[in-house]
Amino acid sequence: MKRDMELIRKILVAIEDSNQTQGYIPLQFESYTEDQISYHVKLLADRGIISAIDCSSKTSFVWRAKALTWDGHDYIEAIRDDARWQKVKDWIKNAEKILTIETMKEAIKELFF
């Protein structure tokens, strides 16, 4: 499965917007399957951007988001606004870099700090 940075952003915004303080945060996005969402939740958890739980079984792959970490809050604060998000993507494209968490952090530092 390919990593989708737009879906990653959607997940982070949804977690931040959630009022959920216990259990997991239900995530559904038009045009994305539960498998795609679970895969990206796992990726974010692996990077320490969110806390999540593995609810997978022998027959299903399911990861559930619980909350943003400190780094996750910092990260989404910088890219929440659509105009800032577009500036970050444009900077990365113009710099001929690949859209990754690291290059996004680099772009955020360059553009906004």
C-alpha atoms as a PDB file:
ATOM      1  CA  MET A   1       0.000   0.000   0.000  1.00  0.00           C
ATOM      2  CA  LYS A   2       1.292   3.468  -0.834  1.00  0.00           C
ATOM      3  CA  ARG A   3       1.675   6.108   1.818  1.00  0.00           C
ATOM      4  CA  ASP A   4      -0.802   8.966   1.307  1.00  0.00           C
ATOM      5  CA  MET A   5       0.248  12.227   2.945  1.00  0.00           C
ATOM      6  CA  GLU A   6      -3.187  13.764   2.331  1.00  0.00           C
ATOM      7  CA  LEU A   7      -4.775  10.925   4.317  1.00  0.00           C
ATOM      8  CA  ILE A   8      -2.167  11.370   7.035  1.00  0.00           C
ATOM      9  CA  ARG A   9      -3.122  15.027   7.319  1.00  0.00           C
ATOM     10  CA  LYS A  10      -6.840  14.135   7.411  1.00  0.00           C
ATOM     11  CA  ILE A  11      -6.222  11.636  10.210  1.00  0.00           C
ATOM     12  CA  LEU A  12      -4.242  14.147  12.270  1.00  0.00           C
ATOM     13  CA  VAL A  13      -6.868  16.874  11.850  1.00  0.00           C
ATOM     14  CA  ALA A  14      -9.658  14.443  12.797  1.00  0.00           C
ATOM     15  CA  ILE A  15      -7.798  13.335  15.915  1.00  0.00           C
ATOM     16  CA  GLU A  16      -7.142  16.923  16.956  1.00  0.00           C
ATOM     17  CA  ASP A  17     -10.796  17.864  16.328  1.00  0.00           C
ATOM     18  CA  SER A  18     -12.085  14.914  18.348  1.00  0.00           C
ATOM     19  CA  ASN A  19     -13.410  15.403  21.855  1.00  0.00           C
ATOM     20  CA  GLN A  20     -12.758  11.729  22.593  1.00  0.00           C
ATOM     21  CA  THR A  21     -10.700  11.264  25.752  1.00  0.00           C
ATOM     22  CA  GLN A  22     -11.119   7.513  26.253  1.00  0.00           C
ATOM     23  CA  GLY A  23     -11.060   4.559  23.934  1.00  0.00           C
ATOM     24  CA  TYR A  24     -10.284   5.132  20.283  1.00  0.00           C
ATOM     25  CA  ILE A  25     -11.266   7.847  17.828  1.00  0.00           C
ATOM     26  CA  PRO A  26     -13.497   6.617  15.001  1.00  0.00           C
ATOM     27  CA  LEU A  27     -12.056   7.633  11.633  1.00  0.00           C
ATOM     28  CA  GLN A  28     -13.883   7.533   8.300  1.00  0.00           C
ATOM     29  CA  PHE A  29     -13.040   9.457   5.175  1.00  0.00           C
ATOM     30  CA  GLU A  30     -14.753   9.431   1.826  1.00  0.00           C
ATOM     31  CA  SER A  31     -12.729   7.579  -0.823  1.00  0.00           C
ATOM     32  CA  TYR A  32     -10.616   5.708   1.759  1.00  0.00           C
ATOM     33  CA  THR A  33     -11.108   2.133   2.939  1.00  0.00           C
ATOM     34  CA  GLU A  34     -10.778   0.954   6.525  1.00  0.00           C
ATOM     35  CA  ASP A  35      -7.597  -0.901   5.510  1.00  0.00           C
ATOM     36  CA  GLN A  36      -6.058   2.295   4.112  1.00  0.00           C
ATOM     37  CA  ILE A  37      -6.952   4.253   7.235  1.00  0.00           C
ATOM     38  CA  SER A  38      -5.646   1.496   9.537  1.00  0.00           C
ATOM     39  CA  TYR A  39      -2.397   1.303   7.594  1.00  0.00           C
ATOM     40  CA  HIS A  40      -1.832   5.053   7.926  1.00  0.00           C
ATOM     41  CA  VAL A  41      -2.782   5.040  11.620  1.00  0.00           C
ATOM     42  CA  LYS A  42      -0.112   2.372  12.135  1.00  0.00           C
ATOM     43  CA  LEU A  43       2.441   4.453  10.199  1.00  0.00           C
ATOM     44  CA  LEU A  44       1.704   7.493  12.368  1.00  0.00           C
ATOM     45  CA  ALA A  45       1.955   5.406  15.533  1.00  0.00           C
ATOM     46  CA  ASP A  46       5.259   3.908  14.361  1.00  0.00           C
ATOM     47  CA  ARG A  47       6.656   7.454  13.950  1.00  0.00           C
ATOM     48  CA  GLY A  48       5.446   8.543  17.397  1.00  0.00           C
ATOM     49  CA  ILE A  49       3.061  11.153  16.008  1.00  0.00           C
ATOM     50  CA  ILE A  50      -0.032   9.512  17.479  1.00  0.00           C
ATOM     51  CA  SER A  51      -0.806   6.888  20.068  1.00  0.00           C
ATOM     52  CA  ALA A  52      -2.814   3.999  18.680  1.00  0.00           C
ATOM     53  CA  ILE A  53      -3.833   0.453  19.447  1.00  0.00           C
ATOM     54  CA  ASP A  54      -3.577  -2.635  17.299  1.00  0.00           C
ATOM     55  CA  CYS A  55      -7.014  -4.278  17.198  1.00  0.00           C
ATOM     56  CA  SER A  56      -6.061  -6.704  14.440  1.00  0.00           C
ATOM     57  CA  SER A  57      -7.090 -10.316  14.477  1.00  0.00           C
ATOM     58  CA  LYS A  58      -6.088 -13.331  12.439  1.00  0.00           C
ATOM     59  CA  THR A  59      -8.523 -12.258   9.733  1.00  0.00           C
ATOM     60  CA  SER A  60      -8.363  -8.453   9.843  1.00  0.00           C
ATOM     61  CA  PHE A  61      -5.866  -5.603   9.997  1.00  0.00           C
ATOM     62  CA  VAL A  62      -7.242  -2.857  12.237  1.00  0.00           C
ATOM     63  CA  TRP A  63      -5.407  -0.023  13.964  1.00  0.00           C
ATOM     64  CA  ARG A  64      -7.314   2.556  16.021  1.00  0.00           C
ATOM     65  CA  ALA A  65      -6.119   6.058  16.828  1.00  0.00           C
ATOM     66  CA  LYS A  66      -6.242   7.171  20.462  1.00  0.00           C
ATOM     67  CA  ALA A  67      -4.595  10.624  20.608  1.00  0.00           C
ATOM     68  CA  LEU A  68      -1.924  12.926  19.239  1.00  0.00           C
ATOM     69  CA  THR A  69       1.469  12.883  20.905  1.00  0.00           C
ATOM     70  CA  TRP A  70       3.329  16.091  21.721  1.00  0.00           C
ATOM     71  CA  ASP A  71       5.099  15.871  18.338  1.00  0.00           C
ATOM     72  CA  GLY A  72       1.766  15.192  16.674  1.00  0.00           C
ATOM     73  CA  HIS A  73       0.293  18.386  18.119  1.00  0.00           C
ATOM     74  CA  ASP A  74       3.310  20.382  16.910  1.00  0.00           C
ATOM     75  CA  TYR A  75       3.107  18.824  13.485  1.00  0.00           C
ATOM     76  CA  ILE A  76      -0.611  19.361  12.874  1.00  0.00           C
ATOM     77  CA  GLU A  77      -0.456  22.901  14.224  1.00  0.00           C
ATOM     78  CA  ALA A  78       1.936  23.746  11.410  1.00  0.00           C
ATOM     79  CA  ILE A  79      -0.099  22.138   8.597  1.00  0.00           C
ATOM     80  CA  ARG A  80      -3.717  22.398   9.772  1.00  0.00           C
ATOM     81  CA  ASP A  81      -4.473  25.508   7.726  1.00  0.00           C
ATOM     82  CA  ASP A  82      -5.096  24.678   4.039  1.00  0.00           C
ATOM     83  CA  ALA A  83      -3.006  27.623   2.809  1.00  0.00           C
ATOM     84  CA  ARG A  84      -0.030  26.626   4.971  1.00  0.00           C
ATOM     85  CA  TRP A  85      -0.407  22.997   3.877  1.00  0.00           C
ATOM     86  CA  GLN A  86      -0.300  24.098   0.239  1.00  0.00           C
ATOM     87  CA  LYS A  87       2.790  26.255   0.891  1.00  0.00           C
ATOM     88  CA  VAL A  88       4.541  23.259   2.461  1.00  0.00           C
ATOM     89  CA  LYS A  89       3.696  21.023  -0.508  1.00  0.00           C
ATOM     90  CA  ASP A  90       4.782  23.732  -2.985  1.00  0.00           C
ATOM     91  CA  TRP A  91       8.082  24.265  -1.141  1.00  0.00           C
ATOM     92  CA  ILE A  92       8.817  20.547  -1.225  1.00  0.00           C
ATOM     93  CA  LYS A  93       7.909  20.311  -4.918  1.00  0.00           C
ATOM     94  CA  ASN A  94      10.047  23.350  -5.818  1.00  0.00           C
ATOM     95  CA  ALA A  95      12.948  21.949  -3.811  1.00  0.00           C
ATOM     96  CA  GLU A  96      12.513  18.707  -5.782  1.00  0.00           C
ATOM     97  CA  LYS A  97      12.205  16.675  -2.623  1.00  0.00           C
ATOM     98  CA  ILE A  98       9.961  13.765  -1.738  1.00  0.00           C
ATOM     99  CA  LEU A  99       6.940  14.449   0.465  1.00  0.00           C
ATOM    100  CA  THR A 100       7.870  12.763   3.761  1.00  0.00           C
ATOM    101  CA  ILE A 101       7.447  13.650   7.415  1.00  0.00           C
ATOM    102  CA  GLU A 102      11.084  14.788   7.525  1.00  0.00           C
ATOM    103  CA  THR A 103      10.832  17.038   4.457  1.00  0.00           C
ATOM    104  CA  MET A 104       7.559  18.437   5.750  1.00  0.00           C
ATOM    105  CA  LYS A 105       9.245  19.330   9.038  1.00  0.00           C
ATOM    106  CA  GLU A 106      12.091  20.904   7.064  1.00  0.00           C
ATOM    107  CA  ALA A 107       9.628  22.930   4.972  1.00  0.00           C
ATOM    108  CA  ILE A 108       7.701  24.035   8.066  1.00  0.00           C
ATOM    109  CA  LYS A 109      10.900  25.296   9.720  1.00  0.00           C
ATOM    110  CA  GLU A 110      11.979  27.082   6.547  1.00  0.00           C
ATOM    111  CA  LEU A 111       8.600  28.695   5.861  1.00  0.00           C
ATOM    112  CA  PHE A 112       7.196  29.505   9.271  1.00  0.00           C
ATOM    113  CA  PHE A 113       9.999  29.754  11.828  1.00  0.00           C
END
